[in-house]
Amino acid sequence: MKILFPTLVIASLAAMSNISSSQLYSQETVVAPAGAAASTDSQATPGRTSPFTQLVWQDEFDGEMLDYSKWGVEVNAFGGGNSELQIYTDRSENVRVEDGCLVLEARKDNAAVSGTAREYSSGRVRTKNRGDWKYGRIEIRAQLPSGAGLWPAIWMLPTEDRYGGWAASGEIDIMEMRGQEPNIVLGTLHYGATWPNNKFSGDQFTLPEGSFADDFHVFTVDWREGEIQWLIDGQHYQTQTEWTTEGHEFPAPFDQKFHLLINLAVGGHFLGPPNDSTPFPAKMLVDYVRVYQ
């Protein structure tokens, strides 16, 4: 995800999370800095057995409601940046636990928050100050919605912006998908400097048949010092080992604690708006989240 201006207003039944004022994201495509292009050839650094075997954090979504000791729910009327069209709410229509899954549901219902209404509503959750990790294997089993203008994403942000505002302190996109291309997901790193001088690098994975809307799939990053690998259903498809952050030594910025975000956005520059064939309501289902160190 790429946010254009500060939008985070996290609300939960448990407590308010600290809000970062530096989450400014760019939708512009920029290239990696000279000498710092990512290694995205899966043959260059083949996937290998993960050293992370101890389960340190998990949510199986087996209860009747979201566990607010693990998740904060975002409520805002800003659309999440990138000229997205949704409003994020904490209503059960948009965020709930049902049949053993976290459900993030995008709706075309003209929902309103704090006096601001938008045509579309949806859900977004994060683990900030409830689940924060430096290195580890993060696995999420999810089924994604398809349809033009639907943008499911699983990603990570730094819990503290130690190296400066976005993207100097980094971002790890575990998975994002354009709903009109439901057989392709992307994995990306953002880094380099504060916006608009940020950089990014990444790769994509294409299912050999079917789509990510047909069934559940396991999306994984294996994040070690100086190396991050991406896997789909255990199949390694990308390794990155080179990045930079202005004024700091490698492996900055990916040497600090990060937290997890999961959301279903609607529209924006990344993929365009929904059309008449886009199904609403649309659901992103998450079966489990597991973190190993």
Protein backbone atom coordinates (compact mmCIF):
# COMPACT_ATOMS: atom_id res chain seq x y z
CA MET A 1 0.00 0.00 0.00
CA LYS A 2 1.15 3.54 -0.71
CA ILE A 3 -0.41 6.31 1.39
CA LEU A 4 -0.29 9.92 0.26
CA PHE A 5 -0.94 11.67 3.55
CA PRO A 6 -1.45 10.83 7.24
CA THR A 7 -4.71 8.98 7.68
CA LEU A 8 -4.32 6.64 10.59
CA VAL A 9 -6.95 7.05 13.28
CA ILE A 10 -6.94 3.67 14.99
CA ALA A 11 -9.87 2.74 17.17
CA SER A 12 -10.46 -0.44 19.14
CA LEU A 13 -12.53 -1.60 22.04
CA ALA A 14 -9.32 -2.04 24.04
CA ALA A 15 -7.08 1.00 23.58
CA MET A 16 -5.88 3.62 21.14
CA SER A 17 -2.57 2.89 19.38
CA ASN A 18 0.19 5.43 18.93
CA ILE A 19 -0.23 7.23 15.61
CA SER A 20 2.70 7.88 13.31
CA SER A 21 2.66 11.26 11.64
CA SER A 22 5.13 10.19 8.97
CA GLN A 23 3.13 7.69 6.94
CA LEU A 24 3.25 9.65 3.68
CA TYR A 25 3.16 7.39 0.66
CA SER A 26 3.73 7.88 -3.04
CA GLN A 27 1.82 6.29 -5.86
CA GLU A 28 4.57 7.30 -8.30
CA THR A 29 6.79 4.61 -9.77
CA VAL A 30 10.45 5.13 -8.92
CA VAL A 31 13.44 2.91 -9.56
CA ALA A 32 15.93 1.49 -7.10
CA PRO A 33 19.05 3.61 -6.53
CA ALA A 34 22.16 2.88 -8.54
CA GLY A 35 24.04 -0.04 -7.06
CA ALA A 36 21.08 -1.04 -4.89
CA ALA A 37 18.80 -2.93 -7.26
CA ALA A 38 17.02 -5.78 -5.54
CA SER A 39 17.87 -9.36 -6.32
CA THR A 40 14.53 -10.73 -7.49
CA ASP A 41 15.76 -13.75 -9.43
CA SER A 42 14.42 -16.75 -7.55
CA GLN A 43 17.35 -18.79 -8.83
CA ALA A 44 19.92 -16.33 -7.45
CA THR A 45 19.12 -17.11 -3.82
CA PRO A 46 16.95 -20.22 -3.75
CA GLY A 47 14.43 -20.54 -0.97
CA ARG A 48 15.92 -22.48 1.92
CA THR A 49 14.69 -23.90 5.17
CA SER A 50 13.66 -21.11 7.48
CA PRO A 51 15.63 -20.72 10.72
CA PHE A 52 12.46 -19.45 12.38
CA THR A 53 10.68 -22.37 14.05
CA GLN A 54 9.26 -21.01 17.31
CA LEU A 55 5.69 -19.76 17.08
CA VAL A 56 5.70 -16.43 18.95
CA TRP A 57 2.41 -14.83 17.86
CA GLN A 58 -0.73 -16.11 16.20
CA ASP A 59 -4.39 -15.52 15.60
CA GLU A 60 -6.52 -18.38 14.31
CA PHE A 61 -9.74 -16.30 14.44
CA ASP A 62 -11.55 -19.08 16.26
CA GLY A 63 -13.55 -16.80 18.57
CA GLU A 64 -16.79 -14.95 18.04
CA MET A 65 -15.18 -11.51 17.77
CA LEU A 66 -11.89 -9.85 16.91
CA ASP A 67 -9.21 -10.12 19.61
CA TYR A 68 -8.50 -6.48 20.43
CA SER A 69 -5.41 -7.43 22.41
CA LYS A 70 -3.89 -8.31 19.03
CA TRP A 71 -5.56 -5.94 16.57
CA GLY A 72 -6.50 -2.30 16.24
CA VAL A 73 -9.26 -1.36 13.80
CA GLU A 74 -8.81 1.73 11.66
CA VAL A 75 -11.62 4.25 11.44
CA ASN A 76 -11.12 7.14 9.02
CA ALA A 77 -12.85 9.07 6.31
CA PHE A 78 -9.76 9.75 4.22
CA GLY A 79 -9.86 6.72 1.97
CA GLY A 80 -6.42 5.45 2.97
CA GLY A 81 -4.50 7.58 0.46
CA ASN A 82 -3.71 6.96 -3.20
CA SER A 83 -7.06 8.53 -4.15
CA GLU A 84 -8.78 5.41 -2.84
CA LEU A 85 -12.55 5.54 -2.71
CA GLN A 86 -13.39 3.72 0.53
CA ILE A 87 -14.06 4.86 4.05
CA TYR A 88 -12.66 2.54 6.74
CA THR A 89 -15.02 1.76 9.60
CA ASP A 90 -15.16 -0.47 12.67
CA ARG A 91 -18.68 -1.63 11.86
CA SER A 92 -19.33 -5.36 11.83
CA GLU A 93 -20.43 -4.96 8.24
CA ASN A 94 -16.80 -4.17 7.37
CA VAL A 95 -14.69 -5.94 10.03
CA ARG A 96 -15.70 -9.10 11.88
CA VAL A 97 -14.79 -12.65 12.77
CA GLU A 98 -17.05 -15.24 11.18
CA ASP A 99 -16.80 -19.00 10.61
CA GLY A 100 -13.18 -19.12 11.79
CA CYS A 101 -11.96 -16.24 9.62
CA LEU A 102 -11.28 -12.55 9.85
CA VAL A 103 -13.63 -10.93 7.34
CA LEU A 104 -12.79 -7.59 5.75
CA GLU A 105 -15.77 -6.64 3.62
CA ALA A 106 -15.97 -3.86 1.04
CA ARG A 107 -19.48 -2.52 0.51
CA LYS A 108 -21.17 0.01 -1.74
CA ASP A 109 -23.34 1.56 0.94
CA ASN A 110 -22.56 5.30 1.32
CA ALA A 111 -21.30 4.85 4.89
CA ALA A 112 -20.43 7.91 6.96
CA VAL A 113 -17.84 8.59 9.67
CA SER A 114 -17.50 11.90 11.53
CA GLY A 115 -19.86 13.58 9.11
CA THR A 116 -18.03 12.37 5.99
CA ALA A 117 -19.75 9.90 3.67
CA ARG A 118 -18.22 7.84 0.90
CA GLU A 119 -19.77 5.59 -1.70
CA TYR A 120 -17.72 2.59 -0.54
CA SER A 121 -16.83 1.29 2.92
CA SER A 122 -14.32 -1.36 3.96
CA GLY A 123 -12.06 -2.63 6.75
CA ARG A 124 -8.45 -2.34 7.81
CA VAL A 125 -6.68 -3.77 10.87
CA ARG A 126 -3.16 -3.60 12.26
CA THR A 127 -1.07 -5.11 15.08
CA LYS A 128 0.89 -1.98 16.05
CA ASN A 129 1.96 -2.14 19.73
CA ARG A 130 0.14 -5.49 19.93
CA GLY A 131 2.41 -7.47 17.62
CA ASP A 132 5.75 -5.96 16.56
CA TRP A 133 8.72 -8.00 15.33
CA LYS A 134 12.30 -7.63 14.19
CA TYR A 135 13.01 -10.56 11.86
CA GLY A 136 10.92 -13.68 11.58
CA ARG A 137 8.69 -15.70 9.32
CA ILE A 138 5.23 -14.18 8.89
CA GLU A 139 2.54 -16.43 7.38
CA ILE A 140 -0.99 -15.41 6.45
CA ARG A 141 -3.52 -17.80 4.95
CA ALA A 142 -6.11 -15.82 3.04
CA GLN A 143 -8.63 -15.87 0.22
CA LEU A 144 -8.79 -12.69 -1.84
CA PRO A 145 -11.73 -11.06 -3.63
CA SER A 146 -11.69 -10.46 -7.37
CA GLY A 147 -13.21 -7.62 -9.34
CA ALA A 148 -12.08 -4.36 -10.89
CA GLY A 149 -11.10 -1.79 -8.29
CA LEU A 150 -10.65 -4.21 -5.37
CA TRP A 151 -7.24 -3.94 -3.71
CA PRO A 152 -6.50 -6.49 -0.95
CA ALA A 153 -3.16 -6.01 0.80
CA ILE A 154 -1.06 -7.61 3.55
CA TRP A 155 1.89 -5.44 4.53
CA MET A 156 4.19 -4.20 7.29
CA LEU A 157 5.25 -0.79 8.58
CA PRO A 158 7.89 0.20 11.14
CA THR A 159 6.53 0.59 14.65
CA GLU A 160 8.90 3.53 15.17
CA ASP A 161 10.07 5.73 12.29
CA ARG A 162 13.66 5.56 13.47
CA TYR A 163 15.14 6.59 10.13
CA GLY A 164 12.60 9.27 9.26
CA GLY A 165 9.26 9.59 7.51
CA TRP A 166 7.99 7.28 4.85
CA ALA A 167 9.72 5.55 3.16
CA ALA A 168 13.06 6.19 4.87
CA SER A 169 12.04 3.82 7.68
CA GLY A 170 10.80 1.17 5.23
CA GLU A 171 7.73 -0.80 4.25
CA ILE A 172 7.38 -4.51 3.49
CA ASP A 173 4.52 -5.46 1.17
CA ILE A 174 3.93 -9.15 1.76
CA MET A 175 1.12 -9.25 -0.79
CA GLU A 176 -1.08 -6.89 -2.76
CA MET A 177 -3.34 -7.65 -5.69
CA ARG A 178 -5.31 -5.77 -8.30
CA GLY A 179 -8.77 -7.30 -8.33
CA GLN A 180 -8.95 -7.21 -12.12
CA GLU A 181 -5.82 -9.41 -12.22
CA PRO A 182 -6.79 -12.02 -9.63
CA ASN A 183 -4.08 -14.51 -10.60
CA ILE A 184 -1.18 -12.10 -9.90
CA VAL A 185 0.13 -10.81 -6.57
CA LEU A 186 3.02 -8.46 -5.90
CA GLY A 187 5.70 -8.38 -3.20
CA THR A 188 7.54 -5.09 -2.73
CA LEU A 189 9.97 -3.19 -0.50
CA HIS A 190 9.83 0.58 -0.04
CA TYR A 191 12.90 2.42 1.27
CA GLY A 192 15.56 4.95 0.28
CA ALA A 193 14.50 8.34 1.65
CA THR A 194 11.46 10.32 2.66
CA TRP A 195 8.78 10.93 0.06
CA PRO A 196 9.06 12.05 -2.73
CA ASN A 197 12.63 10.68 -2.94
CA ASN A 198 11.59 7.17 -1.90
CA LYS A 199 12.51 4.06 -3.87
CA PHE A 200 10.95 0.64 -4.24
CA SER A 201 11.79 -2.77 -5.69
CA GLY A 202 9.94 -6.03 -6.00
CA ASP A 203 8.53 -8.84 -8.10
CA GLN A 204 5.26 -10.59 -8.81
CA PHE A 205 3.92 -14.13 -8.66
CA THR A 206 1.43 -15.55 -11.16
CA LEU A 207 -0.67 -18.59 -10.37
CA PRO A 208 -0.23 -21.26 -13.06
CA GLU A 209 -4.00 -21.75 -13.09
CA GLY A 210 -7.05 -20.31 -11.40
CA SER A 211 -7.08 -17.20 -9.25
CA PHE A 212 -6.44 -16.14 -5.66
CA ALA A 213 -10.20 -15.75 -5.33
CA ASP A 214 -10.83 -19.45 -5.91
CA ASP A 215 -9.34 -20.75 -2.67
CA PHE A 216 -7.13 -19.92 0.29
CA HIS A 217 -3.40 -19.43 -0.21
CA VAL A 218 -0.53 -18.93 2.24
CA PHE A 219 1.42 -15.70 1.81
CA THR A 220 4.80 -15.66 3.55
CA VAL A 221 7.81 -13.45 4.09
CA ASP A 222 10.95 -14.88 5.66
CA TRP A 223 12.79 -11.82 6.98
CA ARG A 224 16.37 -12.24 8.14
CA GLU A 225 19.18 -9.76 8.70
CA GLY A 226 20.06 -8.47 5.25
CA GLU A 227 17.67 -10.77 3.38
CA ILE A 228 13.92 -11.00 2.79
CA GLN A 229 12.26 -13.86 0.91
CA TRP A 230 8.69 -14.10 -0.42
CA LEU A 231 6.80 -17.39 -0.77
CA ILE A 232 3.33 -18.40 -1.98
CA ASP A 233 2.04 -21.73 -0.67
CA GLY A 234 5.61 -22.56 0.30
CA GLN A 235 6.97 -21.79 -3.18
CA HIS A 236 9.79 -19.25 -3.10
CA TYR A 237 9.54 -16.62 -5.82
CA GLN A 238 11.63 -13.66 -4.74
CA THR A 239 14.62 -12.72 -2.59
CA GLN A 240 15.81 -9.19 -1.90
CA THR A 241 19.24 -8.58 -0.37
CA GLU A 242 20.08 -5.02 -1.42
CA TRP A 243 18.40 -1.79 -0.38
CA THR A 244 19.43 1.55 1.06
CA THR A 245 18.21 4.25 3.38
CA GLU A 246 19.75 7.68 3.12
CA GLY A 247 22.33 8.40 5.80
CA HIS A 248 22.32 4.94 7.38
CA GLU A 249 24.21 1.70 6.88
CA PHE A 250 22.77 -1.53 5.48
CA PRO A 251 20.63 -3.36 6.54
CA ALA A 252 18.72 -0.21 7.53
CA PRO A 253 15.80 0.35 7.40
CA PHE A 254 14.86 -3.32 7.70
CA ASP A 255 16.62 -3.81 11.04
CA GLN A 256 13.87 -2.47 13.31
CA LYS A 257 10.56 -3.75 14.61
CA PHE A 258 7.67 -3.78 12.13
CA HIS A 259 3.96 -4.50 12.60
CA LEU A 260 1.36 -6.06 10.32
CA LEU A 261 -1.53 -4.43 8.44
CA ILE A 262 -4.31 -6.15 6.51
CA ASN A 263 -6.87 -4.22 4.48
CA LEU A 264 -9.21 -4.26 1.53
CA ALA A 265 -9.09 -0.96 -0.35
CA VAL A 266 -11.37 0.18 -3.18
CA GLY A 267 -10.06 2.11 -6.17
CA GLY A 268 -7.09 4.44 -6.39
CA HIS A 269 -4.28 5.19 -8.82
CA PHE A 270 -2.76 1.74 -8.31
CA LEU A 271 -5.61 -0.07 -10.04
CA GLY A 272 -8.45 2.29 -11.00
CA PRO A 273 -12.09 2.37 -9.85
CA PRO A 274 -14.65 -0.41 -9.67
CA ASN A 275 -16.94 -0.91 -12.64
CA ASP A 276 -20.44 -2.25 -13.14
CA SER A 277 -19.19 -5.85 -12.97
CA THR A 278 -17.39 -5.46 -9.62
CA PRO A 279 -19.24 -7.57 -7.05
CA PHE A 280 -20.34 -5.85 -3.84
CA PRO A 281 -20.18 -6.78 -1.08
CA ALA A 282 -16.69 -8.23 -1.60
CA LYS A 283 -14.89 -10.18 1.13
CA MET A 284 -11.25 -10.76 1.99
CA LEU A 285 -11.03 -13.79 4.29
CA VAL A 286 -8.07 -14.47 6.59
CA ASP A 287 -7.90 -17.96 8.08
CA TYR A 288 -4.85 -17.37 10.26
CA VAL A 289 -1.81 -15.21 10.95
CA ARG A 290 1.29 -16.91 12.41
CA VAL A 291 4.63 -15.41 13.28
CA TYR A 292 7.74 -17.53 13.92
CA GLN A 293 11.11 -16.43 15.26
